[in-house]
Protein backbone atom coordinates (compact mmCIF):
# COMPACT_ATOMS: atom_id res chain seq x y z
CA MET A 1 -5.84 14.06 6.45
CA GLN A 2 -7.07 17.08 7.99
CA HIS A 3 -3.11 18.32 8.67
CA GLU A 4 -2.72 18.26 4.87
CA LEU A 5 -6.51 19.72 4.57
CA THR A 6 -5.17 23.18 6.84
CA GLU A 7 -1.41 23.17 4.67
CA ILE A 8 -3.72 23.27 1.15
CA LEU A 9 -5.93 25.91 2.98
CA GLY A 10 -3.13 28.05 3.80
CA ILE A 11 -1.32 27.94 0.36
CA LEU A 12 -4.29 28.80 -1.58
CA LYS A 13 -4.86 31.71 0.85
CA PHE A 14 -2.18 33.38 0.13
CA ALA A 15 -2.85 33.19 -3.98
CA GLY A 16 -5.41 36.08 -3.38
CA ILE A 17 -7.15 36.85 -6.37
CA PHE A 18 -5.95 34.48 -8.06
CA ALA A 19 -6.45 31.84 -6.16
CA PRO A 20 -9.23 30.19 -8.31
CA VAL A 21 -6.54 29.26 -10.73
CA PHE A 22 -3.91 27.71 -8.29
CA PHE A 23 -6.67 25.59 -7.03
CA ILE A 24 -7.07 25.03 -10.48
CA LEU A 25 -3.61 23.94 -11.06
CA LEU A 26 -3.33 22.15 -7.98
CA HIS A 27 -5.91 19.40 -9.49
CA MET A 28 -4.09 19.11 -12.73
CA MET A 29 -0.93 18.64 -10.52
CA ARG A 30 -2.55 16.10 -7.82
CA GLN A 31 -1.67 12.99 -9.50
CA PHE A 32 2.04 13.83 -9.25
CA LEU A 33 1.97 15.25 -5.72
CA PHE A 34 0.38 12.03 -4.56
CA LEU A 35 -2.67 14.21 -2.92
CA PRO A 36 -6.46 12.67 -3.45
CA VAL A 37 -8.88 14.29 -5.15
CA GLY A 38 -11.60 14.55 -1.90
CA LEU A 39 -9.02 16.02 -0.32
CA ILE A 40 -8.33 18.83 -2.85
CA CYS A 41 -12.30 18.99 -2.77
CA MET A 42 -12.70 19.50 0.62
CA ALA A 43 -10.34 22.76 0.84
CA GLY A 44 -12.13 24.31 -2.49
CA GLY A 45 -15.23 24.04 -0.31
CA VAL A 46 -14.32 25.30 2.55
CA LEU A 47 -12.01 27.96 0.70
CA PHE A 48 -14.70 29.22 -2.05
CA GLY A 49 -17.96 27.73 -0.39
CA SER A 50 -20.15 25.30 -1.97
CA VAL A 51 -21.31 26.49 -5.37
CA TYR A 52 -18.01 27.82 -6.37
CA GLY A 53 -15.80 24.99 -4.79
CA THR A 54 -17.51 22.54 -6.79
CA LEU A 55 -17.62 24.18 -9.81
CA TYR A 56 -13.18 25.17 -9.75
CA SER A 57 -13.11 21.22 -8.68
CA ILE A 58 -14.92 20.02 -11.54
CA ILE A 59 -12.52 22.22 -13.62
CA GLY A 60 -9.81 20.77 -12.06
CA ILE A 61 -10.52 17.44 -12.12
CA THR A 62 -11.35 17.46 -15.54
CA LEU A 63 -8.80 19.16 -17.05
CA SER A 64 -6.87 16.53 -14.73
CA SER A 65 -8.62 13.55 -16.90
CA LEU A 66 -8.28 15.20 -19.96
CA LEU A 67 -3.97 15.54 -19.12
CA PHE A 68 -4.31 12.16 -18.41
CA TYR A 69 -5.98 10.65 -21.61
CA GLY A 70 -3.48 12.88 -23.93
CA LEU A 71 -0.06 12.06 -21.70
CA LEU A 72 -1.37 7.83 -22.33
CA ARG A 73 -2.25 8.57 -26.56
CA LYS A 74 1.10 10.18 -26.55
CA MET A 75 2.09 6.88 -24.97
CA PRO A 76 0.97 3.90 -25.99
CA LYS A 77 3.28 1.58 -23.82
CA SER A 78 1.84 3.06 -20.88
CA LEU A 79 -1.18 3.16 -21.78
CA ASN A 80 -1.36 -1.42 -22.61
CA ARG A 81 0.99 -1.19 -19.06
CA PHE A 82 -2.03 0.26 -17.19
CA MET A 83 -4.53 -2.02 -19.31
CA LYS A 84 -2.56 -5.52 -17.79
CA ILE A 85 -2.16 -3.71 -14.57
CA LYS A 86 -6.22 -3.32 -14.35
CA ARG A 87 -6.49 -6.93 -15.76
CA LYS A 88 -4.52 -8.36 -12.33
CA ILE A 89 -6.42 -5.88 -10.33
CA ILE A 90 -10.07 -6.80 -11.72
CA GLY A 91 -9.93 -9.58 -14.16
CA LYS A 92 -11.19 -9.54 -17.38
CA ARG A 93 -14.50 -8.48 -16.31
CA MET A 94 -17.50 -6.62 -18.36
CA PRO A 95 -16.56 -2.68 -18.61
CA PHE A 96 -18.46 -0.87 -15.31
CA SER A 97 -21.31 1.67 -16.16
CA LEU A 98 -20.65 5.32 -16.14
CA GLY A 99 -22.42 5.67 -13.26
CA GLN A 100 -20.58 3.02 -11.43
CA ILE A 101 -17.41 4.39 -12.19
CA ALA A 102 -18.76 8.13 -10.70
CA ILE A 103 -19.62 6.05 -7.26
CA LEU A 104 -16.42 4.63 -7.90
CA LYS A 105 -14.29 7.78 -7.64
CA LEU A 106 -16.39 8.77 -4.74
CA ILE A 107 -14.53 6.09 -2.51
CA PRO A 108 -11.42 8.12 -1.36
CA PHE A 109 -8.53 4.96 -1.75
CA ILE A 110 -9.37 3.89 -5.34
CA HIS A 111 -6.67 5.26 -7.50
CA PHE A 112 -8.15 8.09 -9.72
CA SER A 113 -6.24 7.63 -12.77
CA LEU A 114 -7.84 3.70 -12.53
CA LEU A 115 -10.86 5.67 -13.26
CA SER A 116 -10.49 7.71 -16.05
CA LEU A 117 -8.86 4.81 -17.74
CA PHE A 118 -12.36 2.80 -17.25
CA VAL A 119 -13.74 6.15 -18.62
CA LEU A 120 -11.40 5.34 -21.78
CA GLU A 121 -12.46 2.16 -22.27
CA ILE A 122 -16.22 3.02 -22.58
CA THR A 123 -15.83 6.05 -24.53
CA LYS A 124 -14.76 5.58 -28.40
CA SER A 125 -13.57 9.15 -28.82
CA PHE A 126 -12.26 12.27 -27.18
CA LYS A 127 -15.30 14.42 -27.68
CA GLU A 128 -17.23 11.71 -26.01
CA TYR A 129 -13.91 11.00 -23.56
CA THR A 130 -14.62 14.40 -22.51
CA LYS A 131 -17.88 14.25 -21.87
CA ALA A 132 -18.14 11.15 -19.75
CA SER A 133 -15.04 12.71 -17.44
CA VAL A 134 -17.77 15.79 -16.91
CA VAL A 135 -19.90 13.46 -16.07
CA SER A 136 -18.88 11.36 -13.69
CA ASN A 137 -16.69 13.67 -11.72
CA VAL A 138 -19.68 16.29 -10.98
CA PRO A 139 -21.15 14.02 -7.97
CA LEU A 140 -17.28 13.73 -6.25
CA ALA A 141 -16.82 17.62 -6.86
CA PHE A 142 -20.46 17.95 -5.23
CA MET A 143 -19.98 15.92 -2.38
CA TYR A 144 -16.55 16.96 -0.87
CA SER A 145 -17.10 20.23 -2.00
CA THR A 146 -20.31 20.53 0.01
CA PHE A 147 -20.09 17.70 2.70
CA GLY A 148 -16.67 17.01 2.88
CA HIS A 149 -15.89 18.70 5.88
CA TYR A 150 -18.62 16.76 8.10
CA ILE A 151 -16.45 13.13 7.08
CA PHE A 152 -13.81 13.67 9.83
CA HIS A 153 -17.38 13.57 12.59
CA LEU A 154 -19.11 11.24 10.67
CA SER A 155 -20.03 8.78 13.50
CA VAL A 156 -19.14 4.61 12.53
CA VAL A 157 -23.03 3.79 11.91
CA TRP A 158 -23.49 6.61 9.80
CA GLY A 159 -20.44 5.75 7.60
CA ILE A 160 -21.73 1.91 7.61
CA GLY A 161 -25.52 3.30 6.37
CA ILE A 162 -23.47 5.09 3.48
CA ALA A 163 -21.17 2.68 2.38
CA ALA A 164 -24.36 0.06 2.07
CA MET A 165 -26.08 2.63 -0.16
CA MET A 166 -23.01 3.40 -2.35
CA LEU A 167 -22.87 -0.57 -2.57
CA VAL A 168 -27.03 -0.40 -3.79
CA LEU A 169 -26.40 2.21 -6.13
CA PHE A 170 -23.81 0.60 -7.85
CA HIS A 171 -25.69 -2.27 -8.23
CA LEU A 172 -28.81 -0.04 -9.51
CA LEU A 173 -26.28 1.43 -11.72
CA ARG A 174 -24.54 -1.55 -13.76
CA LYS A 175 -24.92 -2.16 -17.42
CA LYS A 176 -28.16 -4.53 -18.23
CA GLU A 177 -26.73 -5.69 -21.69
CA TRP A 178 -23.44 -6.20 -23.12
CA ILE A 179 -21.73 -6.31 -26.03
CA VAL A 180 -19.19 -8.74 -26.82
CA LYS A 181 -16.86 -8.92 -29.76
CA TRP A 182 -16.68 -12.24 -31.47
CA GLU A 183 -12.21 -12.42 -30.75
CA ASP A 184 -12.80 -11.40 -27.40
CA PHE A 185 -16.01 -14.15 -26.82
CA PHE A 186 -13.44 -16.60 -28.19
CA GLU A 187 -10.85 -16.15 -27.26
CA LYS A 188 -7.99 -18.77 -26.88
CA LYS A 189 -6.62 -19.32 -23.83
CA GLU A 190 -2.33 -18.30 -24.27
CA ASN A 191 -0.83 -21.48 -23.02
CA THR A 192 -3.07 -24.14 -23.98
CA PRO A 193 -1.02 -26.81 -25.37
CA ALA A 194 -1.62 -28.05 -29.26
CA LYS A 195 -3.69 -31.47 -29.37
CA SER A 196 -1.50 -33.58 -30.93
CA ALA A 197 -2.67 -35.56 -33.81
């Protein structure tokens, strides 16, 4: 991971005054290049500093989320496929809250597009999705841009402590009540045999 970070920094240093633009574009293309979000945020923190690195990362990650939204709206079959994958992974549980999604975005090995799908699931319009994306992207951009380079030097004890704290926060930020549609609550099982008279 440190090797990839060095490569990204090397490429962005050659961009000169256009480095912020290339950095934001890199965030948008990240999902096609299979690069972790945290890695790019770390590069932004090292190259631009904590404040500008965080700002550019928020812009880039949000534009990436909006690109994902646009692609899914243009291709409804892909949305259905993503929803089936989501059901296979986490089952038919209630949607995560926005706070829980923000915490999940801090975990490097969770697929970012899946988390964008969670945001899509809890929002009703493009405006609401955009706002929720920005809110859930801020902690990710801030943490990795500001403290990302310390991750390589974390001890096991500190790692376990941070993971425990995130678990507690994840539990506290859950929604306390849910509104469930009548059809969803009394949904018939597809493979249930019909009763004979």
